[in-house]
Protein backbone atom coordinates (compact mmCIF):
# COMPACT_ATOMS: atom_id res chain seq x y z
CA MET A 1 116.45 131.44 113.29
CA SER A 2 114.96 128.56 110.63
CA ASN A 3 112.31 130.44 109.05
CA SER A 4 114.27 133.47 107.95
CA LYS A 5 116.13 133.26 104.65
CA LEU A 6 120.01 134.39 103.80
CA VAL A 7 120.10 137.07 101.12
CA TRP A 8 122.93 138.02 101.93
CA SER A 9 126.56 137.64 103.61
CA ASP A 10 130.32 138.68 103.22
CA ASP A 11 130.74 135.00 105.54
CA PRO A 12 133.07 132.38 102.58
CA LYS A 13 130.20 129.52 104.39
CA ASP A 14 127.50 131.37 104.00
CA ARG A 15 127.81 132.15 99.93
CA ALA A 16 128.84 128.63 99.97
CA LYS A 17 125.19 127.75 101.21
CA LEU A 18 123.33 130.11 98.77
CA ASP A 19 125.02 129.32 95.26
CA ALA A 20 124.42 125.34 95.84
CA GLU A 21 120.59 126.12 96.88
CA ALA A 22 120.92 128.10 93.87
CA GLY A 23 122.42 125.18 91.68
CA LYS A 24 120.08 122.35 93.32
CA ALA A 25 117.11 124.63 91.95
CA LYS A 26 118.84 124.71 88.23
CA THR A 27 119.61 121.52 87.90
CA LYS A 28 116.44 120.21 89.35
CA GLU A 29 114.33 122.33 86.56
CA ALA A 30 116.63 121.54 84.07
CA SER A 31 116.05 117.58 84.78
CA ASP A 32 112.08 117.94 85.03
CA GLU A 33 112.51 119.53 81.23
CA PHE A 34 114.12 116.14 80.46
CA VAL A 35 112.90 114.18 81.71
CA LYS A 36 109.54 115.49 79.54
CA SER A 37 111.48 115.61 76.87
CA THR A 38 112.24 111.83 76.48
CA ASN A 39 110.14 109.16 75.17
CA TRP A 40 110.24 107.15 78.32
CA VAL A 41 108.07 104.35 79.28
CA ALA A 42 108.11 102.77 82.72
CA VAL A 43 107.84 99.07 82.83
CA PHE A 44 107.06 96.78 85.91
CA ARG A 45 107.52 92.71 87.12
CA LEU A 46 107.60 91.41 90.29
CA GLU A 47 110.55 90.01 91.61
CA LYS A 48 111.13 87.33 94.51
CA SER A 49 114.12 84.72 93.60
CA GLY A 50 116.79 85.58 95.39
CA ARG A 51 115.78 88.25 97.97
CA GLY A 52 114.79 85.40 100.29
CA GLY A 53 110.97 84.88 99.08
CA LYS A 54 109.69 88.69 99.53
CA THR A 55 108.49 90.64 96.78
CA VAL A 56 109.55 93.49 95.57
CA THR A 57 108.42 96.18 93.04
CA VAL A 58 111.29 96.85 90.22
CA ILE A 59 109.86 99.75 88.12
CA ASP A 60 112.98 99.50 85.73
CA GLN A 61 113.42 101.21 81.68
CA LEU A 62 113.28 105.25 83.21
CA PRO A 63 115.48 108.34 82.43
CA LYS A 64 118.54 107.68 83.31
CA GLN A 65 118.44 110.52 85.27
CA GLU A 66 119.62 110.92 88.74
CA ILE A 67 117.11 113.92 90.77
CA PHE A 68 114.50 112.94 88.51
CA LEU A 69 114.69 108.87 90.13
CA ARG A 70 115.24 110.28 93.53
CA ASP A 71 112.57 112.71 93.94
CA LEU A 72 110.84 109.71 92.20
CA CYS A 73 111.58 107.09 94.59
CA LYS A 74 111.55 109.19 97.23
CA GLU A 75 107.53 109.68 96.39
CA LEU A 76 106.76 106.75 96.06
CA LYS A 77 108.53 104.87 98.87
CA ASN A 78 105.79 108.12 101.45
CA LYS A 79 102.90 107.51 99.49
CA CYS A 80 103.41 103.31 99.03
CA GLY A 81 104.97 103.23 103.40
CA THR A 82 107.83 100.76 102.28
CA GLY A 83 111.09 101.12 101.83
CA GLY A 84 113.21 100.47 98.82
CA THR A 85 115.87 101.88 96.50
CA TYR A 86 117.03 104.00 93.25
CA SER A 87 120.12 102.39 90.83
CA ILE A 88 120.89 104.30 87.86
CA GLU A 89 123.88 101.51 87.05
CA GLY A 90 122.93 100.60 83.04
CA LYS A 91 121.72 101.51 79.93
CA GLU A 92 118.11 102.78 82.47
CA GLY A 93 117.37 103.86 85.56
CA LEU A 94 115.99 101.73 87.73
CA ILE A 95 113.56 102.06 91.01
CA GLU A 96 112.78 98.71 93.10
CA ILE A 97 110.24 99.37 95.79
CA GLN A 98 109.69 96.55 98.57
CA GLY A 99 106.45 94.77 98.81
CA ASP A 100 104.23 94.23 94.99
CA LYS A 101 102.62 98.08 94.85
CA ARG A 102 101.86 97.86 91.61
CA ASP A 103 98.22 99.36 92.14
CA ALA A 104 99.77 102.39 94.14
CA ILE A 105 102.53 102.75 92.02
CA LYS A 106 99.51 102.81 89.00
CA ALA A 107 98.13 105.39 90.75
CA ILE A 108 101.36 107.50 91.38
CA PHE A 109 102.28 106.83 87.55
CA THR A 110 98.70 107.98 85.44
CA LYS A 111 97.83 111.49 87.77
CA LYS A 112 101.13 112.24 87.04
CA GLY A 113 101.23 111.56 83.42
CA TYR A 114 104.31 108.91 82.63
CA ARG A 115 103.59 105.93 81.04
CA PHE A 116 103.64 102.45 82.26
CA LYS A 117 103.54 98.77 80.67
CA GLY A 118 103.88 95.50 82.26
CA MET A 119 100.56 95.96 85.72
């Protein structure tokens, strides 16, 4: 049943599921348009203080768009093979990736066409 797609149903639970899927697609498109239309430059830095001596790569001054940050953070974690998190508190968005992964993230940002500094 996982390979099939629900086309129509009278069940309210199924209708809610269909509406949620349609809403996700619309918000994803709106997020992509917002990120491409804004003029932003990501700032890289390494942090060790207050982290028990462990190094963390911080990507700061990202657009404050939760969907964009969540998807970018997930992609960076998968491609770098490490953990990480994102935050939308403050004026801009922020992504933290465990370890010194600046070179890998630089390659990903270059491929996507995102501008950055602080390498």
